Amino acid sequence: MTTRIAVILADKGSEVWSLGPTRSVLDAIDMMADKHVGALAVVGDSGKLEGIISERDYARKVILVGKSSRATPVTEIMTRDVIYVTPDITVDQCMALMTARRVRHLPVLEDGDALVGMISVGDLVKSIISDQEHVIEQLEAYIRG
């Protein structure tokens, strides 16, 4: 069974937490804590994805270099060259991409630039476990006859 990202988004929902690039890093960290997520999409006034900010960005680009969370805008530390996937990519392909690029969150874009969701490595692991449980159930049913 080859699950596509569209199926995961249908199950978990496609709500994406985002904020503007001029908001403070403190606002971003506060939103991540409030929403229990590890990354946020950074969306400009046009509604287009401009970047992504993660807890890792915060740790490496603010805390370690002594910047102020309140005074630093998101645009200063966000990842601009965003790696993304489309809804038709498989879980295996997505997992391979995340592993190779060492990222834990990927925006899901449709039609070139429409942000339709966010996938985390946790979402992928949950899907893989679910698929494996389904295969095990089928095998057990086959063995029982």
N, C-alpha and C. Protein backbone atom coordinates (compact mmCIF):
# COMPACT_ATOMS: atom_id res chain seq x y z
N MET A 1 0.85 -1.19 0.00
CA MET A 1 0.00 0.00 0.00
C MET A 1 0.89 1.24 0.00
N THR A 2 0.61 2.13 -0.93
CA THR A 2 1.41 3.35 -1.04
C THR A 2 0.52 4.55 -0.73
N THR A 3 0.61 5.02 0.49
CA THR A 3 -0.21 6.14 0.93
C THR A 3 0.35 7.44 0.37
N ARG A 4 -0.52 8.27 -0.08
CA ARG A 4 -0.13 9.59 -0.60
C ARG A 4 -0.35 10.64 0.49
N ILE A 5 0.37 11.74 0.36
CA ILE A 5 0.28 12.83 1.33
C ILE A 5 -1.16 13.39 1.39
N ALA A 6 -1.86 13.38 0.28
CA ALA A 6 -3.25 13.86 0.26
C ALA A 6 -4.11 13.08 1.25
N VAL A 7 -3.85 11.78 1.41
CA VAL A 7 -4.62 10.95 2.34
C VAL A 7 -4.33 11.38 3.78
N ILE A 8 -3.06 11.63 4.07
CA ILE A 8 -2.69 12.09 5.43
C ILE A 8 -3.37 13.42 5.74
N LEU A 9 -3.35 14.34 4.78
CA LEU A 9 -3.99 15.64 5.00
C LEU A 9 -5.49 15.49 5.19
N ALA A 10 -6.10 14.56 4.47
CA ALA A 10 -7.54 14.33 4.62
C ALA A 10 -7.84 13.80 6.02
N ASP A 11 -6.96 12.96 6.55
CA ASP A 11 -7.16 12.41 7.89
C ASP A 11 -6.90 13.43 8.99
N LYS A 12 -5.79 14.14 8.89
CA LYS A 12 -5.40 15.04 9.98
C LYS A 12 -5.97 16.44 9.84
N GLY A 13 -6.39 16.77 8.64
CA GLY A 13 -6.85 18.12 8.37
C GLY A 13 -5.73 18.91 7.71
N SER A 14 -6.10 19.91 6.99
CA SER A 14 -5.10 20.66 6.25
C SER A 14 -4.89 22.08 6.80
N GLU A 15 -5.33 22.28 8.03
CA GLU A 15 -5.12 23.60 8.63
C GLU A 15 -3.62 23.85 8.81
N VAL A 16 -3.17 25.00 8.36
CA VAL A 16 -1.76 25.35 8.46
C VAL A 16 -1.65 26.60 9.32
N TRP A 17 -0.82 26.52 10.34
CA TRP A 17 -0.58 27.68 11.19
C TRP A 17 0.51 28.51 10.54
N SER A 18 0.26 29.79 10.41
CA SER A 18 1.22 30.65 9.73
C SER A 18 1.23 32.03 10.37
N LEU A 19 2.26 32.78 10.02
CA LEU A 19 2.34 34.18 10.43
C LEU A 19 3.12 34.94 9.38
N GLY A 20 3.08 36.25 9.46
CA GLY A 20 3.75 37.10 8.49
C GLY A 20 5.23 37.25 8.79
N PRO A 21 6.01 37.60 7.78
CA PRO A 21 7.46 37.69 7.92
C PRO A 21 7.94 38.82 8.82
N THR A 22 7.11 39.82 9.07
CA THR A 22 7.55 40.93 9.92
C THR A 22 7.23 40.73 11.39
N ARG A 23 6.49 39.66 11.70
CA ARG A 23 6.20 39.37 13.11
C ARG A 23 7.48 39.00 13.83
N SER A 24 7.47 39.13 15.14
CA SER A 24 8.68 38.83 15.91
C SER A 24 8.85 37.32 16.08
N VAL A 25 10.09 36.92 16.31
CA VAL A 25 10.38 35.52 16.58
C VAL A 25 9.64 35.08 17.84
N LEU A 26 9.51 35.98 18.82
CA LEU A 26 8.76 35.65 20.03
C LEU A 26 7.32 35.29 19.69
N ASP A 27 6.70 36.04 18.77
CA ASP A 27 5.34 35.71 18.33
C ASP A 27 5.29 34.31 17.72
N ALA A 28 6.30 33.98 16.94
CA ALA A 28 6.35 32.66 16.29
C ALA A 28 6.47 31.55 17.33
N ILE A 29 7.37 31.72 18.28
CA ILE A 29 7.58 30.71 19.31
C ILE A 29 6.32 30.57 20.17
N ASP A 30 5.70 31.69 20.48
CA ASP A 30 4.45 31.66 21.26
C ASP A 30 3.36 30.90 20.51
N MET A 31 3.24 31.14 19.20
CA MET A 31 2.23 30.45 18.40
C MET A 31 2.54 28.95 18.32
N MET A 32 3.81 28.60 18.14
CA MET A 32 4.19 27.18 18.08
C MET A 32 3.81 26.48 19.39
N ALA A 33 4.08 27.13 20.50
CA ALA A 33 3.75 26.55 21.81
C ALA A 33 2.24 26.41 21.97
N ASP A 34 1.51 27.44 21.58
CA ASP A 34 0.05 27.44 21.71
C ASP A 34 -0.61 26.37 20.84
N LYS A 35 -0.08 26.17 19.64
CA LYS A 35 -0.68 25.23 18.69
C LYS A 35 -0.05 23.84 18.77
N HIS A 36 0.97 23.68 19.60
CA HIS A 36 1.66 22.40 19.76
C HIS A 36 2.25 21.89 18.45
N VAL A 37 2.94 22.79 17.75
CA VAL A 37 3.61 22.44 16.50
C VAL A 37 5.07 22.86 16.57
N GLY A 38 5.89 22.28 15.72
CA GLY A 38 7.31 22.57 15.73
C GLY A 38 7.76 23.50 14.62
N ALA A 39 6.83 23.90 13.76
CA ALA A 39 7.18 24.80 12.66
C ALA A 39 5.94 25.54 12.18
N LEU A 40 6.17 26.70 11.60
CA LEU A 40 5.09 27.52 11.05
C LEU A 40 5.45 27.95 9.64
N ALA A 41 4.45 28.07 8.82
CA ALA A 41 4.63 28.64 7.50
C ALA A 41 4.73 30.16 7.65
N VAL A 42 5.58 30.77 6.87
CA VAL A 42 5.69 32.22 6.84
C VAL A 42 5.06 32.66 5.53
N VAL A 43 3.95 33.39 5.65
CA VAL A 43 3.14 33.76 4.49
C VAL A 43 3.08 35.28 4.39
N GLY A 44 3.38 35.78 3.21
CA GLY A 44 3.36 37.21 2.97
C GLY A 44 1.96 37.75 2.74
N ASP A 45 1.87 39.07 2.55
CA ASP A 45 0.57 39.72 2.33
C ASP A 45 -0.17 39.16 1.11
N SER A 46 0.59 38.67 0.13
CA SER A 46 -0.01 38.12 -1.08
C SER A 46 -0.60 36.73 -0.85
N GLY A 47 -0.33 36.16 0.32
CA GLY A 47 -0.80 34.82 0.62
C GLY A 47 0.15 33.73 0.15
N LYS A 48 1.28 34.14 -0.40
CA LYS A 48 2.27 33.20 -0.92
C LYS A 48 3.25 32.78 0.18
N LEU A 49 3.63 31.51 0.16
CA LEU A 49 4.62 30.99 1.11
C LEU A 49 5.97 31.65 0.85
N GLU A 50 6.50 32.32 1.87
CA GLU A 50 7.79 32.99 1.75
C GLU A 50 8.90 32.25 2.47
N GLY A 51 8.51 31.39 3.42
CA GLY A 51 9.51 30.66 4.17
C GLY A 51 8.85 29.77 5.21
N ILE A 52 9.70 29.20 6.05
CA ILE A 52 9.24 28.37 7.15
C ILE A 52 10.14 28.66 8.34
N ILE A 53 9.55 28.70 9.51
CA ILE A 53 10.33 28.92 10.73
C ILE A 53 10.06 27.74 11.65
N SER A 54 11.14 27.19 12.20
CA SER A 54 11.02 26.02 13.08
C SER A 54 11.70 26.28 14.41
N GLU A 55 11.44 25.38 15.33
CA GLU A 55 12.12 25.46 16.62
C GLU A 55 13.63 25.37 16.43
N ARG A 56 14.05 24.60 15.45
CA ARG A 56 15.48 24.48 15.15
C ARG A 56 16.06 25.82 14.70
N ASP A 57 15.32 26.55 13.86
CA ASP A 57 15.77 27.89 13.44
C ASP A 57 15.96 28.79 14.66
N TYR A 58 14.99 28.72 15.56
CA TYR A 58 15.03 29.53 16.77
C TYR A 58 16.27 29.19 17.60
N ALA A 59 16.49 27.91 17.83
CA ALA A 59 17.61 27.49 18.66
C ALA A 59 18.95 27.90 18.06
N ARG A 60 19.09 27.73 16.76
CA ARG A 60 20.39 27.97 16.11
C ARG A 60 20.62 29.43 15.73
N LYS A 61 19.57 30.14 15.38
CA LYS A 61 19.74 31.48 14.83
C LYS A 61 19.37 32.61 15.78
N VAL A 62 18.82 32.26 16.94
CA VAL A 62 18.47 33.27 17.93
C VAL A 62 19.20 32.98 19.24
N ILE A 63 18.87 31.86 19.85
CA ILE A 63 19.43 31.52 21.16
C ILE A 63 20.95 31.42 21.11
N LEU A 64 21.48 30.64 20.19
CA LEU A 64 22.93 30.40 20.16
C LEU A 64 23.76 31.64 19.83
N VAL A 65 23.15 32.60 19.15
CA VAL A 65 23.90 33.80 18.79
C VAL A 65 23.51 35.02 19.63
N GLY A 66 22.66 34.80 20.62
CA GLY A 66 22.33 35.86 21.57
C GLY A 66 21.42 36.95 21.06
N LYS A 67 20.59 36.66 20.07
CA LYS A 67 19.65 37.66 19.57
C LYS A 67 18.44 37.73 20.49
N SER A 68 17.70 38.81 20.36
CA SER A 68 16.48 39.00 21.13
C SER A 68 15.28 38.44 20.37
N SER A 69 14.54 37.56 21.01
CA SER A 69 13.34 36.98 20.39
C SER A 69 12.29 38.04 20.11
N ARG A 70 12.22 39.02 20.99
CA ARG A 70 11.22 40.08 20.86
C ARG A 70 11.58 41.07 19.74
N ALA A 71 12.87 41.31 19.55
CA ALA A 71 13.30 42.33 18.58
C ALA A 71 13.64 41.77 17.20
N THR A 72 13.75 40.46 17.08
CA THR A 72 14.15 39.86 15.80
C THR A 72 12.91 39.48 15.00
N PRO A 73 12.82 39.99 13.76
CA PRO A 73 11.67 39.60 12.93
C PRO A 73 11.86 38.19 12.36
N VAL A 74 10.77 37.51 12.13
CA VAL A 74 10.79 36.16 11.57
C VAL A 74 11.60 36.11 10.28
N THR A 75 11.46 37.12 9.45
CA THR A 75 12.14 37.13 8.15
C THR A 75 13.66 37.01 8.28
N GLU A 76 14.20 37.41 9.42
CA GLU A 76 15.64 37.38 9.63
C GLU A 76 16.17 35.97 9.88
N ILE A 77 15.33 35.07 10.38
CA ILE A 77 15.83 33.73 10.71
C ILE A 77 15.12 32.60 9.96
N MET A 78 14.05 32.91 9.24
CA MET A 78 13.29 31.84 8.58
C MET A 78 14.12 31.20 7.47
N THR A 79 13.74 29.99 7.12
CA THR A 79 14.33 29.31 5.99
C THR A 79 13.60 29.77 4.75
N ARG A 80 14.33 30.38 3.83
CA ARG A 80 13.72 30.95 2.63
C ARG A 80 13.58 29.95 1.49
N ASP A 81 14.59 29.13 1.32
CA ASP A 81 14.56 28.12 0.26
C ASP A 81 13.82 26.90 0.79
N VAL A 82 12.52 26.98 0.73
CA VAL A 82 11.67 25.98 1.35
C VAL A 82 11.59 24.73 0.49
N ILE A 83 11.88 23.61 1.12
CA ILE A 83 11.66 22.32 0.49
C ILE A 83 10.19 22.00 0.74
N TYR A 84 9.49 21.58 -0.29
CA TYR A 84 8.06 21.29 -0.14
C TYR A 84 7.70 20.03 -0.91
N VAL A 85 6.51 19.55 -0.65
CA VAL A 85 5.99 18.40 -1.39
C VAL A 85 4.61 18.77 -1.94
N THR A 86 4.11 17.89 -2.79
CA THR A 86 2.77 18.04 -3.34
C THR A 86 1.89 16.93 -2.77
N PRO A 87 0.58 17.08 -2.84
CA PRO A 87 -0.31 16.08 -2.25
C PRO A 87 -0.19 14.69 -2.87
N ASP A 88 0.31 14.60 -4.10
CA ASP A 88 0.37 13.30 -4.79
C ASP A 88 1.64 12.50 -4.48
N ILE A 89 2.58 13.05 -3.74
CA ILE A 89 3.79 12.33 -3.39
C ILE A 89 3.46 11.26 -2.36
N THR A 90 4.22 10.17 -2.38
CA THR A 90 3.96 9.08 -1.44
C THR A 90 4.65 9.34 -0.10
N VAL A 91 4.19 8.64 0.91
CA VAL A 91 4.80 8.73 2.24
C VAL A 91 6.27 8.32 2.16
N ASP A 92 6.57 7.25 1.43
CA ASP A 92 7.95 6.79 1.29
C ASP A 92 8.84 7.85 0.64
N GLN A 93 8.34 8.48 -0.41
CA GLN A 93 9.10 9.54 -1.08
C GLN A 93 9.33 10.73 -0.14
N CYS A 94 8.29 11.07 0.60
CA CYS A 94 8.37 12.19 1.54
C CYS A 94 9.36 11.88 2.65
N MET A 95 9.31 10.67 3.19
CA MET A 95 10.24 10.26 4.24
C MET A 95 11.68 10.29 3.73
N ALA A 96 11.90 9.82 2.51
CA ALA A 96 13.25 9.83 1.92
C ALA A 96 13.75 11.27 1.78
N LEU A 97 12.88 12.17 1.34
CA LEU A 97 13.25 13.58 1.18
C LEU A 97 13.59 14.22 2.52
N MET A 98 12.76 13.96 3.52
CA MET A 98 13.00 14.54 4.85
C MET A 98 14.30 14.00 5.44
N THR A 99 14.57 12.74 5.24
CA THR A 99 15.80 12.14 5.76
C THR A 99 17.01 12.71 5.05
N ALA A 100 16.95 12.78 3.74
CA ALA A 100 18.09 13.29 2.96
C ALA A 100 18.37 14.76 3.26
N ARG A 101 17.33 15.55 3.43
CA ARG A 101 17.50 16.99 3.64
C ARG A 101 17.54 17.38 5.12
N ARG A 102 17.35 16.40 6.01
CA ARG A 102 17.38 16.61 7.46
C ARG A 102 16.40 17.68 7.92
N VAL A 103 15.16 17.52 7.49
CA VAL A 103 14.09 18.41 7.92
C VAL A 103 13.00 17.59 8.57
N ARG A 104 12.24 18.23 9.44
CA ARG A 104 11.18 17.53 10.16
C ARG A 104 9.79 18.01 9.77
N HIS A 105 9.72 19.06 8.98
CA HIS A 105 8.43 19.62 8.55
C HIS A 105 8.51 20.03 7.09
N LEU A 106 7.46 19.72 6.35
CA LEU A 106 7.40 20.12 4.94
C LEU A 106 6.04 20.72 4.62
N PRO A 107 6.04 21.91 4.03
CA PRO A 107 4.78 22.46 3.53
C PRO A 107 4.31 21.61 2.35
N VAL A 108 3.01 21.56 2.17
CA VAL A 108 2.42 20.86 1.03
C VAL A 108 1.82 21.92 0.13
N LEU A 109 2.32 22.00 -1.11
CA LEU A 109 1.85 23.00 -2.06
C LEU A 109 1.13 22.30 -3.21
N GLU A 110 0.09 22.96 -3.69
CA GLU A 110 -0.68 22.45 -4.81
C GLU A 110 -0.73 23.54 -5.87
N ASP A 111 -0.73 23.13 -7.12
CA ASP A 111 -0.80 24.08 -8.24
C ASP A 111 0.33 25.11 -8.19
N GLY A 112 1.50 24.67 -7.79
CA GLY A 112 2.67 25.53 -7.83
C GLY A 112 2.92 26.37 -6.60
N ASP A 113 1.87 26.97 -6.01
CA ASP A 113 2.13 27.84 -4.87
C ASP A 113 1.01 27.92 -3.82
N ALA A 114 -0.05 27.14 -3.98
CA ALA A 114 -1.15 27.17 -3.01
C ALA A 114 -0.80 26.26 -1.83
N LEU A 115 -0.64 26.86 -0.65
CA LEU A 115 -0.31 26.13 0.56
C LEU A 115 -1.56 25.39 1.05
N VAL A 116 -1.50 24.04 1.02
CA VAL A 116 -2.68 23.25 1.37
C VAL A 116 -2.48 22.39 2.62
N GLY A 117 -1.29 22.44 3.21
CA GLY A 117 -1.06 21.67 4.42
C GLY A 117 0.39 21.70 4.85
N MET A 118 0.63 21.05 5.99
CA MET A 118 1.99 20.92 6.51
C MET A 118 2.12 19.48 7.02
N ILE A 119 3.20 18.83 6.66
CA ILE A 119 3.45 17.45 7.05
C ILE A 119 4.67 17.42 7.97
N SER A 120 4.55 16.65 9.05
CA SER A 120 5.70 16.47 9.94
C SER A 120 6.17 15.02 9.86
N VAL A 121 7.37 14.78 10.33
CA VAL A 121 7.88 13.41 10.35
C VAL A 121 6.97 12.54 11.23
N GLY A 122 6.39 13.11 12.26
CA GLY A 122 5.45 12.38 13.10
C GLY A 122 4.22 11.92 12.33
N ASP A 123 3.73 12.77 11.42
CA ASP A 123 2.59 12.39 10.58
C ASP A 123 2.95 11.18 9.71
N LEU A 124 4.17 11.18 9.19
CA LEU A 124 4.61 10.09 8.33
C LEU A 124 4.76 8.80 9.11
N VAL A 125 5.36 8.89 10.29
CA VAL A 125 5.54 7.70 11.13
C VAL A 125 4.17 7.11 11.50
N LYS A 126 3.24 7.97 11.86
CA LYS A 126 1.89 7.50 12.20
C LYS A 126 1.25 6.77 11.02
N SER A 127 1.42 7.31 9.82
CA SER A 127 0.87 6.68 8.62
C SER A 127 1.53 5.33 8.35
N ILE A 128 2.84 5.26 8.49
CA ILE A 128 3.57 4.01 8.25
C ILE A 128 3.12 2.94 9.25
N ILE A 129 2.99 3.31 10.51
CA ILE A 129 2.53 2.35 11.53
C ILE A 129 1.13 1.87 11.20
N SER A 130 0.25 2.77 10.80
CA SER A 130 -1.11 2.40 10.45
C SER A 130 -1.13 1.43 9.27
N ASP A 131 -0.32 1.71 8.26
CA ASP A 131 -0.24 0.82 7.10
C ASP A 131 0.28 -0.56 7.50
N GLN A 132 1.28 -0.59 8.38
CA GLN A 132 1.83 -1.87 8.83
C GLN A 132 0.80 -2.66 9.63
N GLU A 133 0.04 -1.98 10.47
CA GLU A 133 -1.00 -2.65 11.24
C GLU A 133 -2.05 -3.26 10.31
N HIS A 134 -2.38 -2.54 9.25
CA HIS A 134 -3.35 -3.04 8.27
C HIS A 134 -2.81 -4.30 7.58
N VAL A 135 -1.56 -4.30 7.19
CA VAL A 135 -0.95 -5.46 6.54
C VAL A 135 -0.94 -6.65 7.50
N ILE A 136 -0.59 -6.40 8.74
CA ILE A 136 -0.57 -7.48 9.74
C ILE A 136 -1.96 -8.08 9.91
N GLU A 137 -2.98 -7.24 9.98
CA GLU A 137 -4.36 -7.74 10.09
C GLU A 137 -4.73 -8.60 8.90
N GLN A 138 -4.36 -8.17 7.70
CA GLN A 138 -4.66 -8.94 6.50
C GLN A 138 -3.94 -10.28 6.52
N LEU A 139 -2.69 -10.29 6.91
CA LEU A 139 -1.93 -11.53 6.98
C LEU A 139 -2.51 -12.49 8.01
N GLU A 140 -2.89 -11.96 9.16
CA GLU A 140 -3.50 -12.79 10.19
C GLU A 140 -4.81 -13.37 9.71
N ALA A 141 -5.59 -12.58 9.01
CA ALA A 141 -6.87 -13.07 8.47
C ALA A 141 -6.62 -14.15 7.42
N TYR A 142 -5.60 -13.99 6.60
CA TYR A 142 -5.25 -14.97 5.57
C TYR A 142 -4.81 -16.28 6.22
N ILE A 143 -3.99 -16.18 7.26
CA ILE A 143 -3.49 -17.37 7.95
C ILE A 143 -4.63 -18.13 8.62
N ARG A 144 -5.55 -17.40 9.22
CA ARG A 144 -6.69 -18.03 9.89
C ARG A 144 -7.63 -18.68 8.88
N GLY A 145 -7.58 -18.21 7.65
CA GLY A 145 -8.40 -18.79 6.58
C GLY A 145 -9.73 -18.19 6.55
